[in-house]
PDB file of N, CA and C in Angstrom:
ATOM      1  N   UNK A   1    -111.859 -54.815  16.309  1.00  0.00           N
ATOM      2  CA  UNK A   1    -112.051 -53.389  16.100  1.00  0.00           C
ATOM      3  C   UNK A   1    -110.925 -52.796  15.247  1.00  0.00           C
ATOM      4  N   UNK A   2    -109.703 -53.271  15.486  1.00  0.00           N
ATOM      5  CA  UNK A   2    -108.561 -52.753  14.725  1.00  0.00           C
ATOM      6  C   UNK A   2    -108.660 -53.141  13.249  1.00  0.00           C
ATOM      7  N   UNK A   3    -109.199 -54.348  12.978  1.00  0.00           N
ATOM      8  CA  UNK A   3    -109.383 -54.765  11.586  1.00  0.00           C
ATOM      9  C   UNK A   3    -110.353 -53.844  10.853  1.00  0.00           C
ATOM     10  N   UNK A   4    -111.416 -53.429  11.542  1.00  0.00           N
ATOM     11  CA  UNK A   4    -112.380 -52.517  10.927  1.00  0.00           C
ATOM     12  C   UNK A   4    -111.726 -51.180  10.591  1.00  0.00           C
ATOM     13  N   UNK A   5    -110.896 -50.692  11.495  1.00  0.00           N
ATOM     14  CA  UNK A   5    -110.208 -49.419  11.251  1.00  0.00           C
ATOM     15  C   UNK A   5    -109.204 -49.548  10.109  1.00  0.00           C
ATOM     16  N   UNK A   6    -108.477 -50.661  10.062  1.00  0.00           N
ATOM     17  CA  UNK A   6    -107.524 -50.883   8.971  1.00  0.00           C
ATOM     18  C   UNK A   6    -108.232 -51.029   7.635  1.00  0.00           C
ATOM     19  N   UNK A   7    -109.354 -51.757   7.634  1.00  0.00           N
ATOM     20  CA  UNK A   7    -110.144 -51.926   6.418  1.00  0.00           C
ATOM     21  C   UNK A   7    -110.619 -50.568   5.907  1.00  0.00           C
ATOM     22  N   UNK A   8    -111.176 -49.771   6.812  1.00  0.00           N
ATOM     23  CA  UNK A   8    -111.692 -48.459   6.420  1.00  0.00           C
ATOM     24  C   UNK A   8    -110.555 -47.543   5.964  1.00  0.00           C
ATOM     25  N   UNK A   9    -109.420 -47.622   6.629  1.00  0.00           N
ATOM     26  CA  UNK A   9    -108.264 -46.811   6.250  1.00  0.00           C
ATOM     27  C   UNK A   9    -107.780 -47.162   4.841  1.00  0.00           C
ATOM     28  N   UNK A  10    -107.709 -48.449   4.543  1.00  0.00           N
ATOM     29  CA  UNK A  10    -107.285 -48.859   3.199  1.00  0.00           C
ATOM     30  C   UNK A  10    -108.330 -48.492   2.154  1.00  0.00           C
ATOM     31  N   UNK A  11    -109.611 -48.576   2.514  1.00  0.00           N
ATOM     32  CA  UNK A  11    -110.680 -48.171   1.607  1.00  0.00           C
ATOM     33  C   UNK A  11    -110.575 -46.674   1.300  1.00  0.00           C
ATOM     34  N   UNK A  12    -110.358 -45.861   2.303  1.00  0.00           N
ATOM     35  CA  UNK A  12    -110.212 -44.415   2.091  1.00  0.00           C
ATOM     36  C   UNK A  12    -108.991 -44.103   1.233  1.00  0.00           C
ATOM     37  N   UNK A  13    -107.915 -44.870   1.413  1.00  0.00           N
ATOM     38  CA  UNK A  13    -106.717 -44.687   0.601  1.00  0.00           C
ATOM     39  C   UNK A  13    -107.023 -44.944  -0.883  1.00  0.00           C
ATOM     40  N   UNK A  14    -107.782 -46.010  -1.165  1.00  0.00           N
ATOM     41  CA  UNK A  14    -108.171 -46.306  -2.548  1.00  0.00           C
ATOM     42  C   UNK A  14    -109.053 -45.196  -3.122  1.00  0.00           C
ATOM     43  N   UNK A  15    -109.990 -44.715  -2.322  1.00  0.00           N
ATOM     44  CA  UNK A  15    -110.867 -43.637  -2.778  1.00  0.00           C
ATOM     45  C   UNK A  15    -110.046 -42.381  -3.069  1.00  0.00           C
ATOM     46  N   UNK A  16    -109.099 -42.067  -2.206  1.00  0.00           N
ATOM     47  CA  UNK A  16    -108.252 -40.895  -2.412  1.00  0.00           C
ATOM     48  C   UNK A  16    -107.439 -41.026  -3.700  1.00  0.00           C
ATOM     49  N   UNK A  17    -106.883 -42.205  -3.950  1.00  0.00           N
ATOM     50  CA  UNK A  17    -106.120 -42.436  -5.186  1.00  0.00           C
ATOM     51  C   UNK A  17    -107.017 -42.224  -6.400  1.00  0.00           C
ATOM     52  N   UNK A  18    -108.241 -42.768  -6.361  1.00  0.00           N
ATOM     53  CA  UNK A  18    -109.176 -42.590  -7.477  1.00  0.00           C
ATOM     54  C   UNK A  18    -109.514 -41.119  -7.693  1.00  0.00           C
ATOM     55  N   UNK A  19    -109.728 -40.392  -6.612  1.00  0.00           N
ATOM     56  CA  UNK A  19    -110.064 -38.970  -6.735  1.00  0.00           C
ATOM     57  C   UNK A  19    -108.899 -38.159  -7.297  1.00  0.00           C
ATOM     58  N   UNK A  20    -107.686 -38.489  -6.902  1.00  0.00           N
ATOM     59  CA  UNK A  20    -106.513 -37.777  -7.431  1.00  0.00           C
ATOM     60  C   UNK A  20    -106.371 -38.042  -8.926  1.00  0.00           C
ATOM     61  N   UNK A  21    -106.497 -39.307  -9.325  1.00  0.00           N
ATOM     62  CA  UNK A  21    -106.407 -39.630 -10.755  1.00  0.00           C
ATOM     63  C   UNK A  21    -107.520 -38.934 -11.520  1.00  0.00           C
ATOM     64  N   UNK A  22    -108.743 -38.970 -10.973  1.00  0.00           N
ATOM     65  CA  UNK A  22    -109.870 -38.303 -11.618  1.00  0.00           C
ATOM     66  C   UNK A  22    -109.595 -36.805 -11.799  1.00  0.00           C
ATOM     67  N   UNK A  23    -109.068 -36.161 -10.758  1.00  0.00           N
ATOM     68  CA  UNK A  23    -108.790 -34.738 -10.836  1.00  0.00           C
ATOM     69  C   UNK A  23    -107.707 -34.429 -11.865  1.00  0.00           C
ATOM     70  N   UNK A  24    -106.626 -35.192 -11.838  1.00  0.00           N
ATOM     71  CA  UNK A  24    -105.513 -34.942 -12.764  1.00  0.00           C
ATOM     72  C   UNK A  24    -105.966 -35.111 -14.206  1.00  0.00           C
ATOM     73  N   UNK A  25    -106.721 -36.162 -14.481  1.00  0.00           N
ATOM     74  CA  UNK A  25    -107.151 -36.409 -15.861  1.00  0.00           C
ATOM     75  C   UNK A  25    -108.197 -35.402 -16.313  1.00  0.00           C
ATOM     76  N   UNK A  26    -109.226 -35.187 -15.497  1.00  0.00           N
ATOM     77  CA  UNK A  26    -110.307 -34.316 -15.957  1.00  0.00           C
ATOM     78  C   UNK A  26    -109.939 -32.845 -15.909  1.00  0.00           C
ATOM     79  N   UNK A  27    -109.448 -32.375 -14.784  1.00  0.00           N
ATOM     80  CA  UNK A  27    -109.146 -30.953 -14.663  1.00  0.00           C
ATOM     81  C   UNK A  27    -107.737 -30.639 -15.161  1.00  0.00           C
ATOM     82  N   UNK A  28    -106.779 -31.466 -14.787  1.00  0.00           N
ATOM     83  CA  UNK A  28    -105.389 -31.217 -15.182  1.00  0.00           C
ATOM     84  C   UNK A  28    -105.191 -31.326 -16.679  1.00  0.00           C
ATOM     85  N   UNK A  29    -105.507 -32.504 -17.241  1.00  0.00           N
ATOM     86  CA  UNK A  29    -105.277 -32.721 -18.677  1.00  0.00           C
ATOM     87  C   UNK A  29    -106.307 -32.015 -19.538  1.00  0.00           C
ATOM     88  N   UNK A  30    -107.536 -31.863 -19.045  1.00  0.00           N
ATOM     89  CA  UNK A  30    -108.591 -31.249 -19.849  1.00  0.00           C
ATOM     90  C   UNK A  30    -108.655 -29.742 -19.767  1.00  0.00           C
ATOM     91  N   UNK A  31    -108.058 -29.133 -18.708  1.00  0.00           N
ATOM     92  CA  UNK A  31    -108.159 -27.690 -18.538  1.00  0.00           C
ATOM     93  C   UNK A  31    -106.788 -27.041 -18.322  1.00  0.00           C
ATOM     94  N   UNK A  32    -106.085 -27.453 -17.279  1.00  0.00           N
ATOM     95  CA  UNK A  32    -104.831 -26.781 -16.913  1.00  0.00           C
ATOM     96  C   UNK A  32    -103.705 -26.979 -17.925  1.00  0.00           C
ATOM     97  N   UNK A  33    -103.534 -28.207 -18.379  1.00  0.00           N
ATOM     98  CA  UNK A  33    -102.406 -28.523 -19.267  1.00  0.00           C
ATOM     99  C   UNK A  33    -102.840 -28.741 -20.706  1.00  0.00           C
ATOM    100  N   UNK A  34    -103.986 -28.183 -21.078  1.00  0.00           N
ATOM    101  CA  UNK A  34    -104.530 -28.422 -22.412  1.00  0.00           C
ATOM    102  C   UNK A  34    -103.631 -27.856 -23.512  1.00  0.00           C
ATOM    103  N   UNK A  35    -103.058 -26.690 -23.311  1.00  0.00           N
ATOM    104  CA  UNK A  35    -102.225 -26.075 -24.353  1.00  0.00           C
ATOM    105  C   UNK A  35    -100.978 -26.905 -24.672  1.00  0.00           C
ATOM    106  N   UNK A  36    -100.184 -27.301 -23.670  1.00  0.00           N
ATOM    107  CA  UNK A  36     -99.026 -28.151 -24.001  1.00  0.00           C
ATOM    108  C   UNK A  36     -99.442 -29.506 -24.584  1.00  0.00           C
ATOM    109  N   UNK A  37    -100.550 -30.062 -24.087  1.00  0.00           N
ATOM    110  CA  UNK A  37    -101.005 -31.353 -24.615  1.00  0.00           C
ATOM    111  C   UNK A  37    -101.520 -31.239 -26.041  1.00  0.00           C
ATOM    112  N   UNK A  38    -102.023 -30.084 -26.426  1.00  0.00           N
ATOM    113  CA  UNK A  38    -102.526 -29.903 -27.782  1.00  0.00           C
ATOM    114  C   UNK A  38    -101.412 -29.916 -28.825  1.00  0.00           C
ATOM    115  N   UNK A  39    -100.162 -29.805 -28.403  1.00  0.00           N
ATOM    116  CA  UNK A  39     -99.034 -29.916 -29.328  1.00  0.00           C
ATOM    117  C   UNK A  39     -98.849 -31.355 -29.805  1.00  0.00           C
ATOM    118  N   UNK A  40     -99.415 -32.306 -29.071  1.00  0.00           N
ATOM    119  CA  UNK A  40     -99.310 -33.727 -29.402  1.00  0.00           C
ATOM    120  C   UNK A  40    -100.626 -34.159 -30.037  1.00  0.00           C
ATOM    121  N   UNK A  41    -100.533 -34.989 -31.062  1.00  0.00           N
ATOM    122  CA  UNK A  41    -101.743 -35.474 -31.730  1.00  0.00           C
ATOM    123  C   UNK A  41    -101.925 -36.964 -31.470  1.00  0.00           C
ATOM    124  N   UNK A  42    -103.178 -37.358 -31.282  1.00  0.00           N
ATOM    125  CA  UNK A  42    -103.541 -38.752 -31.060  1.00  0.00           C
ATOM    126  C   UNK A  42    -104.702 -39.079 -31.990  1.00  0.00           C
ATOM    127  N   UNK A  43    -104.449 -39.910 -32.980  1.00  0.00           N
ATOM    128  CA  UNK A  43    -105.504 -40.263 -33.933  1.00  0.00           C
ATOM    129  C   UNK A  43    -106.010 -39.073 -34.726  1.00  0.00           C
ATOM    130  N   UNK A  44    -105.154 -38.097 -34.973  1.00  0.00           N
ATOM    131  CA  UNK A  44    -105.551 -36.920 -35.731  1.00  0.00           C
ATOM    132  C   UNK A  44    -106.133 -35.794 -34.883  1.00  0.00           C
ATOM    133  N   UNK A  45    -106.354 -36.051 -33.598  1.00  0.00           N
ATOM    134  CA  UNK A  45    -106.913 -35.033 -32.707  1.00  0.00           C
ATOM    135  C   UNK A  45    -105.844 -34.521 -31.751  1.00  0.00           C
ATOM    136  N   UNK A  46    -105.989 -33.278 -31.344  1.00  0.00           N
ATOM    137  CA  UNK A  46    -105.086 -32.728 -30.344  1.00  0.00           C
ATOM    138  C   UNK A  46    -105.284 -33.479 -29.032  1.00  0.00           C
ATOM    139  N   UNK A  47    -104.191 -33.815 -28.347  1.00  0.00           N
ATOM    140  CA  UNK A  47    -104.270 -34.641 -27.148  1.00  0.00           C
ATOM    141  C   UNK A  47    -105.057 -33.966 -26.025  1.00  0.00           C
ATOM    142  N   UNK A  48    -104.934 -32.659 -25.867  1.00  0.00           N
ATOM    143  CA  UNK A  48    -105.704 -31.947 -24.846  1.00  0.00           C
ATOM    144  C   UNK A  48    -107.198 -32.067 -25.093  1.00  0.00           C
ATOM    145  N   UNK A  49    -107.600 -31.904 -26.351  1.00  0.00           N
ATOM    146  CA  UNK A  49    -109.007 -32.058 -26.728  1.00  0.00           C
ATOM    147  C   UNK A  49    -109.452 -33.495 -26.486  1.00  0.00           C
ATOM    148  N   UNK A  50    -108.595 -34.466 -26.863  1.00  0.00           N
ATOM    149  CA  UNK A  50    -108.934 -35.879 -26.684  1.00  0.00           C
ATOM    150  C   UNK A  50    -109.159 -36.202 -25.216  1.00  0.00           C
ATOM    151  N   UNK A  51    -108.269 -35.708 -24.333  1.00  0.00           N
ATOM    152  CA  UNK A  51    -108.443 -35.961 -22.905  1.00  0.00           C
ATOM    153  C   UNK A  51    -109.735 -35.339 -22.391  1.00  0.00           C
ATOM    154  N   UNK A  52    -110.049 -34.145 -22.833  1.00  0.00           N
ATOM    155  CA  UNK A  52    -111.264 -33.473 -22.368  1.00  0.00           C
ATOM    156  C   UNK A  52    -112.518 -34.206 -22.839  1.00  0.00           C
ATOM    157  N   UNK A  53    -112.491 -34.813 -24.020  1.00  0.00           N
ATOM    158  CA  UNK A  53    -113.682 -35.439 -24.585  1.00  0.00           C
ATOM    159  C   UNK A  53    -113.744 -36.946 -24.358  1.00  0.00           C
ATOM    160  N   UNK A  54    -112.705 -37.675 -24.749  1.00  0.00           N
ATOM    161  CA  UNK A  54    -112.720 -39.130 -24.699  1.00  0.00           C
ATOM    162  C   UNK A  54    -111.884 -39.704 -23.556  1.00  0.00           C
ATOM    163  N   UNK A  55    -110.698 -39.171 -23.392  1.00  0.00           N
ATOM    164  CA  UNK A  55    -109.739 -39.740 -22.454  1.00  0.00           C
ATOM    165  C   UNK A  55    -110.227 -39.773 -21.032  1.00  0.00           C
ATOM    166  N   UNK A  56    -110.920 -38.727 -20.617  1.00  0.00           N
ATOM    167  CA  UNK A  56    -111.417 -38.708 -19.244  1.00  0.00           C
ATOM    168  C   UNK A  56    -112.480 -39.783 -19.041  1.00  0.00           C
ATOM    169  N   UNK A  57    -113.314 -40.012 -20.040  1.00  0.00           N
ATOM    170  CA  UNK A  57    -114.343 -41.053 -19.931  1.00  0.00           C
ATOM    171  C   UNK A  57    -113.697 -42.420 -19.831  1.00  0.00           C
ATOM    172  N   UNK A  58    -112.710 -42.699 -20.700  1.00  0.00           N
ATOM    173  CA  UNK A  58    -112.011 -43.992 -20.647  1.00  0.00           C
ATOM    174  C   UNK A  58    -111.321 -44.173 -19.299  1.00  0.00           C
ATOM    175  N   UNK A  59    -110.738 -43.109 -18.803  1.00  0.00           N
ATOM    176  CA  UNK A  59    -110.056 -43.182 -17.509  1.00  0.00           C
ATOM    177  C   UNK A  59    -111.058 -43.466 -16.391  1.00  0.00           C
ATOM    178  N   UNK A  60    -112.210 -42.832 -16.415  1.00  0.00           N
ATOM    179  CA  UNK A  60    -113.217 -43.045 -15.380  1.00  0.00           C
ATOM    180  C   UNK A  60    -113.718 -44.492 -15.392  1.00  0.00           C
ATOM    181  N   UNK A  61    -113.959 -45.031 -16.577  1.00  0.00           N
ATOM    182  CA  UNK A  61    -114.405 -46.425 -16.678  1.00  0.00           C
ATOM    183  C   UNK A  61    -113.320 -47.362 -16.156  1.00  0.00           C
ATOM    184  N   UNK A  62    -112.065 -47.097 -16.534  1.00  0.00           N
ATOM    185  CA  UNK A  62    -110.951 -47.919 -16.041  1.00  0.00           C
ATOM    186  C   UNK A  62    -110.844 -47.815 -14.526  1.00  0.00           C
ATOM    187  N   UNK A  63    -111.062 -46.628 -13.965  1.00  0.00           N
ATOM    188  CA  UNK A  63    -111.024 -46.454 -12.513  1.00  0.00           C
ATOM    189  C   UNK A  63    -112.113 -47.264 -11.812  1.00  0.00           C
ATOM    190  N   UNK A  64    -113.277 -47.350 -12.412  1.00  0.00           N
ATOM    191  CA  UNK A  64    -114.363 -48.129 -11.829  1.00  0.00           C
ATOM    192  C   UNK A  64    -113.960 -49.591 -11.717  1.00  0.00           C
ATOM    193  N   UNK A  65    -113.418 -50.140 -12.796  1.00  0.00           N
ATOM    194  CA  UNK A  65    -112.997 -51.541 -12.774  1.00  0.00           C
ATOM    195  C   UNK A  65    -111.823 -51.757 -11.823  1.00  0.00           C
ATOM    196  N   UNK A  66    -110.863 -50.836 -11.821  1.00  0.00           N
ATOM    197  CA  UNK A  66    -109.704 -50.954 -10.932  1.00  0.00           C
ATOM    198  C   UNK A  66    -110.148 -50.901  -9.471  1.00  0.00           C
ATOM    199  N   UNK A  67    -111.027 -49.960  -9.137  1.00  0.00           N
ATOM    200  CA  UNK A  67    -111.521 -49.845  -7.761  1.00  0.00           C
ATOM    201  C   UNK A  67    -112.286 -51.101  -7.355  1.00  0.00           C
ATOM    202  N   UNK A  68    -113.111 -51.617  -8.250  1.00  0.00           N
ATOM    203  CA  UNK A  68    -113.859 -52.840  -7.955  1.00  0.00           C
ATOM    204  C   UNK A  68    -112.931 -54.013  -7.681  1.00  0.00           C
ATOM    205  N   UNK A  69    -111.892 -54.152  -8.480  1.00  0.00           N
ATOM    206  CA  UNK A  69    -110.920 -55.238  -8.275  1.00  0.00           C
ATOM    207  C   UNK A  69    -110.195 -55.067  -6.953  1.00  0.00           C
ATOM    208  N   UNK A  70    -109.728 -53.859  -6.676  1.00  0.00           N
ATOM    209  CA  UNK A  70    -108.994 -53.606  -5.433  1.00  0.00           C
ATOM    210  C   UNK A  70    -109.893 -53.800  -4.211  1.00  0.00           C
ATOM    211  N   UNK A  71    -111.158 -53.425  -4.299  1.00  0.00           N
ATOM    212  CA  UNK A  71    -112.071 -53.617  -3.167  1.00  0.00           C
ATOM    213  C   UNK A  71    -112.361 -55.104  -2.958  1.00  0.00           C
ATOM    214  N   UNK A  72    -112.479 -55.876  -4.041  1.00  0.00           N
ATOM    215  CA  UNK A  72    -112.642 -57.319  -3.884  1.00  0.00           C
ATOM    216  C   UNK A  72    -111.432 -57.929  -3.187  1.00  0.00           C
ATOM    217  N   UNK A  73    -110.234 -57.489  -3.577  1.00  0.00           N
ATOM    218  CA  UNK A  73    -109.016 -57.970  -2.916  1.00  0.00           C
ATOM    219  C   UNK A  73    -109.007 -57.571  -1.439  1.00  0.00           C
ATOM    220  N   UNK A  74    -109.420 -56.361  -1.157  1.00  0.00           N
ATOM    221  CA  UNK A  74    -109.461 -55.869   0.219  1.00  0.00           C
ATOM    222  C   UNK A  74    -110.493 -56.644   1.046  1.00  0.00           C
ATOM    223  N   UNK A  75    -111.643 -56.924   0.438  1.00  0.00           N
ATOM    224  CA  UNK A  75    -112.665 -57.712   1.126  1.00  0.00           C
ATOM    225  C   UNK A  75    -112.136 -59.101   1.489  1.00  0.00           C
ATOM    226  N   UNK A  76    -111.420 -59.714   0.562  1.00  0.00           N
ATOM    227  CA  UNK A  76    -110.844 -61.038   0.829  1.00  0.00           C
ATOM    228  C   UNK A  76    -109.795 -60.957   1.933  1.00  0.00           C
ATOM    229  N   UNK A  77    -108.992 -59.915   1.907  1.00  0.00           N
ATOM    230  CA  UNK A  77    -107.940 -59.747   2.907  1.00  0.00           C
ATOM    231  C   UNK A  77    -108.521 -59.675   4.319  1.00  0.00           C
ATOM    232  N   UNK A  78    -109.657 -59.001   4.465  1.00  0.00           N
ATOM    233  CA  UNK A  78    -110.282 -58.825   5.778  1.00  0.00           C
ATOM    234  C   UNK A  78    -111.478 -59.749   6.017  1.00  0.00           C
ATOM    235  N   UNK A  79    -111.652 -60.742   5.142  1.00  0.00           N
ATOM    236  CA  UNK A  79    -112.721 -61.747   5.265  1.00  0.00           C
ATOM    237  C   UNK A  79    -114.114 -61.129   5.376  1.00  0.00           C
ATOM    238  N   UNK A  80    -114.411 -60.172   4.511  1.00  0.00           N
ATOM    239  CA  UNK A  80    -115.742 -59.579   4.477  1.00  0.00           C
ATOM    240  C   UNK A  80    -116.369 -59.679   3.075  1.00  0.00           C
ATOM    241  N   UNK A  81    -115.846 -60.630   2.264  1.00  0.00           N
ATOM    242  CA  UNK A  81    -116.345 -60.729   0.883  1.00  0.00           C
ATOM    243  C   UNK A  81    -117.736 -61.325   0.849  1.00  0.00           C
ATOM    244  N   UNK A  82    -118.450 -61.044  -0.254  1.00  0.00           N
ATOM    245  CA  UNK A  82    -119.773 -61.611  -0.460  1.00  0.00           C
ATOM    246  C   UNK A  82    -119.632 -63.088  -0.817  1.00  0.00           C
ATOM    247  N   UNK A  83    -120.605 -63.868  -0.404  1.00  0.00           N
ATOM    248  CA  UNK A  83    -120.556 -65.311  -0.672  1.00  0.00           C
ATOM    249  C   UNK A  83    -120.965 -65.605  -2.105  1.00  0.00           C
TER     250      UNK A  83
END
């Protein structure tokens, strides 16, 4: 029973980390901090604009792969992986 609680606790921790990163990138970089970020250019585009349009998408895709890898590691740790 304790293993199930630890597994779920670590899973929730990973989800929370993903949600914080998602919030910071999408809302923080794309809305709140857009003006200071627009002072920096990336590939000819203002960085705030880039984060709002491209950067958040790249970050979300990277988060999907990172979460999948971490969950596979967690599954192995608690012996609940798929065969």
